[in-house]
C-alpha atoms as a PDB file:
ATOM      1  CA  MET A   1       9.522-102.319-178.218  1.00  0.00           C
ATOM      2  CA  THR A   2       7.876-105.030-177.801  1.00  0.00           C
ATOM      3  CA  HIS A   3       4.085-104.496-176.186  1.00  0.00           C
ATOM      4  CA  PRO A   4       4.567-105.182-172.156  1.00  0.00           C
ATOM      5  CA  ASN A   5       1.563-108.652-172.639  1.00  0.00           C
ATOM      6  CA  ARG A   6       3.363-110.025-175.465  1.00  0.00           C
ATOM      7  CA  ARG A   7       3.653-114.161-174.414  1.00  0.00           C
ATOM      8  CA  LEU A   8       7.081-115.012-173.562  1.00  0.00           C
ATOM      9  CA  ARG A   9       8.202-117.285-175.566  1.00  0.00           C
ATOM     10  CA  THR A  10      10.948-118.499-173.260  1.00  0.00           C
ATOM     11  CA  ASP A  11      11.106-120.951-170.642  1.00  0.00           C
ATOM     12  CA  PRO A  12      12.536-119.379-167.196  1.00  0.00           C
ATOM     13  CA  ALA A  13       9.112-117.836-166.226  1.00  0.00           C
ATOM     14  CA  ARG A  14       7.627-120.749-167.072  1.00  0.00           C
ATOM     15  CA  ILE A  15       9.818-123.065-165.266  1.00  0.00           C
ATOM     16  CA  GLY A  16       9.702-121.058-162.239  1.00  0.00           C
ATOM     17  CA  ALA A  17       6.243-121.213-162.208  1.00  0.00           C
ATOM     18  CA  LEU A  18       6.251-125.195-162.862  1.00  0.00           C
ATOM     19  CA  TYR A  19       8.829-124.814-159.498  1.00  0.00           C
ATOM     20  CA  ASP A  20       6.235-122.749-157.495  1.00  0.00           C
ATOM     21  CA  LEU A  21       3.166-125.543-158.610  1.00  0.00           C
ATOM     22  CA  ALA A  22       5.753-128.378-157.355  1.00  0.00           C
ATOM     23  CA  VAL A  23       6.709-126.770-153.921  1.00  0.00           C
ATOM     24  CA  ALA A  24       4.040-124.620-152.992  1.00  0.00           C
ATOM     25  CA  PRO A  25       0.648-127.342-152.841  1.00  0.00           C
ATOM     26  CA  VAL A  26       2.671-128.757-150.221  1.00  0.00           C
ATOM     27  CA  PHE A  27       2.117-125.877-147.881  1.00  0.00           C
ATOM     28  CA  ALA A  28      -1.478-125.649-148.455  1.00  0.00           C
ATOM     29  CA  THR A  29      -3.289-127.542-146.213  1.00  0.00           C
ATOM     30  CA  PRO A  30      -2.486-127.660-142.260  1.00  0.00           C
ATOM     31  CA  TRP A  31      -1.580-131.334-142.437  1.00  0.00           C
ATOM     32  CA  THR A  32       0.483-131.416-145.662  1.00  0.00           C
ATOM     33  CA  ALA A  33       2.290-127.908-144.170  1.00  0.00           C
ATOM     34  CA  ARG A  34       2.760-129.478-141.058  1.00  0.00           C
ATOM     35  CA  LEU A  35       4.524-132.988-142.575  1.00  0.00           C
ATOM     36  CA  ALA A  36       6.583-130.270-144.867  1.00  0.00           C
ATOM     37  CA  LEU A  37       8.186-128.588-141.946  1.00  0.00           C
ATOM     38  CA  ASP A  38       8.681-131.984-139.879  1.00  0.00           C
ATOM     39  CA  GLY A  39      10.507-132.822-142.844  1.00  0.00           C
ATOM     40  CA  ALA A  40      12.495-129.422-142.873  1.00  0.00           C
ATOM     41  CA  ARG A  41      13.438-130.120-138.754  1.00  0.00           C
ATOM     42  CA  VAL A  42      14.719-133.222-139.825  1.00  0.00           C
ATOM     43  CA  LEU A  43      16.844-132.396-142.283  1.00  0.00           C
ATOM     44  CA  HIS A  44      17.715-129.341-140.097  1.00  0.00           C
ATOM     45  CA  THR A  45      18.730-131.641-137.435  1.00  0.00           C
ATOM     46  CA  ALA A  46      20.458-134.340-139.541  1.00  0.00           C
ATOM     47  CA  LEU A  47      22.237-132.176-141.645  1.00  0.00           C
ATOM     48  CA  ASP A  48      23.211-130.388-137.449  1.00  0.00           C
ATOM     49  CA  LEU A  49      22.646-126.779-139.409  1.00  0.00           C
ATOM     50  CA  PRO A  50      22.607-123.536-137.553  1.00  0.00           C
ATOM     51  CA  GLY A  51      19.512-121.998-136.915  1.00  0.00           C
ATOM     52  CA  ARG A  52      16.171-122.680-134.885  1.00  0.00           C
ATOM     53  CA  ALA A  53      14.848-125.956-136.038  1.00  0.00           C
ATOM     54  CA  PRO A  54      11.736-125.183-138.577  1.00  0.00           C
ATOM     55  CA  GLY A  55       8.636-126.639-137.032  1.00  0.00           C
ATOM     56  CA  GLY A  56       6.158-126.183-133.681  1.00  0.00           C
ATOM     57  CA  PHE A  57       3.999-124.052-135.423  1.00  0.00           C
ATOM     58  CA  GLY A  58       0.521-123.472-133.818  1.00  0.00           C
ATOM     59  CA  PRO A  59      -2.682-123.138-135.327  1.00  0.00           C
ATOM     60  CA  GLU A  60      -2.312-119.202-136.211  1.00  0.00           C
ATOM     61  CA  GLN A  61       0.705-119.728-137.458  1.00  0.00           C
ATOM     62  CA  LEU A  62      -0.138-122.893-139.461  1.00  0.00           C
ATOM     63  CA  LEU A  63      -2.577-120.743-140.685  1.00  0.00           C
ATOM     64  CA  PHE A  64      -0.386-117.983-142.146  1.00  0.00           C
ATOM     65  CA  VAL A  65       1.877-120.758-144.108  1.00  0.00           C
ATOM     66  CA  THR A  66      -1.243-122.562-145.455  1.00  0.00           C
ATOM     67  CA  PHE A  67      -2.446-118.883-146.625  1.00  0.00           C
ATOM     68  CA  PHE A  68       1.473-118.900-148.426  1.00  0.00           C
ATOM     69  CA  GLY A  69       0.532-122.180-150.363  1.00  0.00           C
ATOM     70  CA  VAL A  70      -2.767-121.461-151.722  1.00  0.00           C
ATOM     71  CA  LEU A  71      -1.834-117.734-152.672  1.00  0.00           C
ATOM     72  CA  VAL A  72       1.843-118.952-154.135  1.00  0.00           C
ATOM     73  CA  THR A  73      -0.379-122.179-156.215  1.00  0.00           C
ATOM     74  CA  MET A  74      -2.978-119.917-157.259  1.00  0.00           C
ATOM     75  CA  TRP A  75      -0.351-117.170-158.587  1.00  0.00           C
ATOM     76  CA  ALA A  76       1.648-120.264-160.425  1.00  0.00           C
ATOM     77  CA  VAL A  77      -1.487-121.107-162.219  1.00  0.00           C
ATOM     78  CA  VAL A  78      -2.345-117.707-163.339  1.00  0.00           C
ATOM     79  CA  ARG A  79       1.391-117.388-164.488  1.00  0.00           C
ATOM     80  CA  LEU A  80       1.313-120.491-166.909  1.00  0.00           C
ATOM     81  CA  VAL A  81      -2.043-119.460-168.055  1.00  0.00           C
ATOM     82  CA  ARG A  82      -0.291-116.043-168.734  1.00  0.00           C
ATOM     83  CA  GLY A  83       3.106-115.780-169.559  1.00  0.00           C
ATOM     84  CA  ASP A  84       3.371-112.539-170.228  1.00  0.00           C
ATOM     85  CA  ALA A  85       5.899-109.411-169.501  1.00  0.00           C
ATOM     86  CA  VAL A  86       3.629-108.182-166.956  1.00  0.00           C
ATOM     87  CA  THR A  87       3.180-111.363-165.344  1.00  0.00           C
ATOM     88  CA  THR A  88       6.958-112.117-165.258  1.00  0.00           C
ATOM     89  CA  ALA A  89       7.812-108.592-163.952  1.00  0.00           C
ATOM     90  CA  ALA A  90       5.280-109.211-161.212  1.00  0.00           C
ATOM     91  CA  ASP A  91       6.995-112.236-159.862  1.00  0.00           C
ATOM     92  CA  MET A  92       9.782-111.139-159.582  1.00  0.00           C
ATOM     93  CA  ALA A  93       8.953-108.525-157.583  1.00  0.00           C
ATOM     94  CA  GLY A  94       7.812-111.035-155.661  1.00  0.00           C
ATOM     95  CA  ARG A  95      10.803-113.144-155.634  1.00  0.00           C
ATOM     96  CA  ALA A  96      12.810-110.434-154.752  1.00  0.00           C
ATOM     97  CA  ALA A  97      10.866-109.779-151.561  1.00  0.00           C
ATOM     98  CA  PHE A  98      10.497-113.702-150.513  1.00  0.00           C
ATOM     99  CA  ALA A  99      14.446-113.738-151.040  1.00  0.00           C
ATOM    100  CA  VAL A 100      15.176-111.118-149.111  1.00  0.00           C
ATOM    101  CA  LEU A 101      12.664-112.009-145.856  1.00  0.00           C
ATOM    102  CA  MET A 102      14.050-114.921-146.032  1.00  0.00           C
ATOM    103  CA  THR A 103      17.744-114.197-145.628  1.00  0.00           C
ATOM    104  CA  VAL A 104      16.458-111.673-142.865  1.00  0.00           C
ATOM    105  CA  ALA A 105      14.731-114.668-141.665  1.00  0.00           C
ATOM    106  CA  MET A 106      17.942-116.739-141.394  1.00  0.00           C
ATOM    107  CA  ALA A 107      19.943-113.479-139.682  1.00  0.00           C
ATOM    108  CA  ASP A 108      17.058-113.666-137.180  1.00  0.00           C
ATOM    109  CA  GLY A 109      17.764-117.295-136.312  1.00  0.00           C
ATOM    110  CA  ALA A 110      15.754-119.096-138.421  1.00  0.00           C
ATOM    111  CA  SER A 111      17.126-122.550-139.496  1.00  0.00           C
ATOM    112  CA  THR A 112      19.816-122.153-142.966  1.00  0.00           C
ATOM    113  CA  VAL A 113      17.694-124.675-144.257  1.00  0.00           C
ATOM    114  CA  LEU A 114      15.949-121.354-146.078  1.00  0.00           C
ATOM    115  CA  ALA A 115      18.929-120.783-147.949  1.00  0.00           C
ATOM    116  CA  VAL A 116      18.006-123.939-150.672  1.00  0.00           C
ATOM    117  CA  PHE A 117      14.992-121.753-151.256  1.00  0.00           C
ATOM    118  CA  VAL A 118      16.909-118.511-151.319  1.00  0.00           C
ATOM    119  CA  THR A 119      18.958-120.458-153.606  1.00  0.00           C
ATOM    120  CA  PHE A 120      16.036-120.929-156.180  1.00  0.00           C
ATOM    121  CA  GLU A 121      14.101-117.672-155.574  1.00  0.00           C
ATOM    122  CA  VAL A 122      17.772-115.674-157.265  1.00  0.00           C
ATOM    123  CA  GLY A 123      17.962-118.108-159.419  1.00  0.00           C
ATOM    124  CA  PHE A 124      14.345-117.655-161.118  1.00  0.00           C
ATOM    125  CA  LEU A 125      14.660-114.047-160.787  1.00  0.00           C
ATOM    126  CA  LEU A 126      18.038-113.465-162.526  1.00  0.00           C
ATOM    127  CA  ALA A 127      17.054-115.677-165.434  1.00  0.00           C
ATOM    128  CA  GLN A 128      13.119-113.834-165.602  1.00  0.00           C
ATOM    129  CA  GLY A 129      15.328-111.207-165.780  1.00  0.00           C
ATOM    130  CA  GLY A 130      17.140-112.121-168.405  1.00  0.00           C
ATOM    131  CA  GLN A 131      14.316-113.278-170.374  1.00  0.00           C
ATOM    132  CA  LEU A 132      12.226-109.993-169.689  1.00  0.00           C
ATOM    133  CA  ILE A 133      15.126-107.615-171.237  1.00  0.00           C
ATOM    134  CA  ARG A 134      15.571-110.070-173.742  1.00  0.00           C
ATOM    135  CA  ALA A 135      12.299-109.720-175.252  1.00  0.00           C
ATOM    136  CA  THR A 136      11.839-106.101-174.432  1.00  0.00           C
ATOM    137  CA  ARG A 137      14.351-105.576-177.178  1.00  0.00           C
ATOM    138  CA  ARG A 138      13.494-107.952-179.751  1.00  0.00           C
ATOM    139  CA  PRO A 139      11.941-105.900-181.961  1.00  0.00           C
ATOM    140  CA  ALA A 140       8.662-107.174-183.322  1.00  0.00           C
ATOM    141  CA  ARG A 141       7.938-109.547-185.837  1.00  0.00           C
ATOM    142  CA  THR A 142       6.667-109.204-188.740  1.00  0.00           C
ATOM    143  CA  SER A 143       3.901-111.059-190.350  1.00  0.00           C
ATOM    144  CA  PRO A 144       5.062-113.500-193.310  1.00  0.00           C
ATOM    145  CA  VAL A 145       1.696-112.667-194.754  1.00  0.00           C
ATOM    146  CA  ARG A 146       2.195-110.053-197.191  1.00  0.00           C
ATOM    147  CA  GLU A 147      -0.149-106.845-197.550  1.00  0.00           C
ATOM    148  CA  THR A 148      -1.809-106.493-200.841  1.00  0.00           C
ATOM    149  CA  VAL A 149      -2.548-102.962-202.416  1.00  0.00           C
ATOM    150  CA  SER A 150      -5.226-102.449-204.343  1.00  0.00           C
ATOM    151  CA  PRO A 151      -4.992-100.138-207.345  1.00  0.00           C
END
């Protein structure tokens, strides 16, 4: 088994962080979050999706949306800088929680537009899980430099 802090060399964790970095900053300010939620409402209405259309948030709800945007953006940067097994495992736990909570919200009547995000969360969760399993099963690489023994 390799050291849990060994930097992962495959892509799913980094691609997941880049995806989060592309999506989350939109929710990091009240102005951009409101635009994103309005866009989700338009999409919900245009596709005649089941559930309640997103949007119509007051300042308190919008505050929590922006907390989400800021925290996920910061977490994505941490994962890009420190792409090791520990951060990948922590990210997997977060993705599982997000997927479950979004599914619960849809069951409680939230717009099924959330299914798009659930799909990405579960997809990255599975890809990162496979990556983590492969990384921890791989034998430690030996250095090509040979030790010399003095007589």
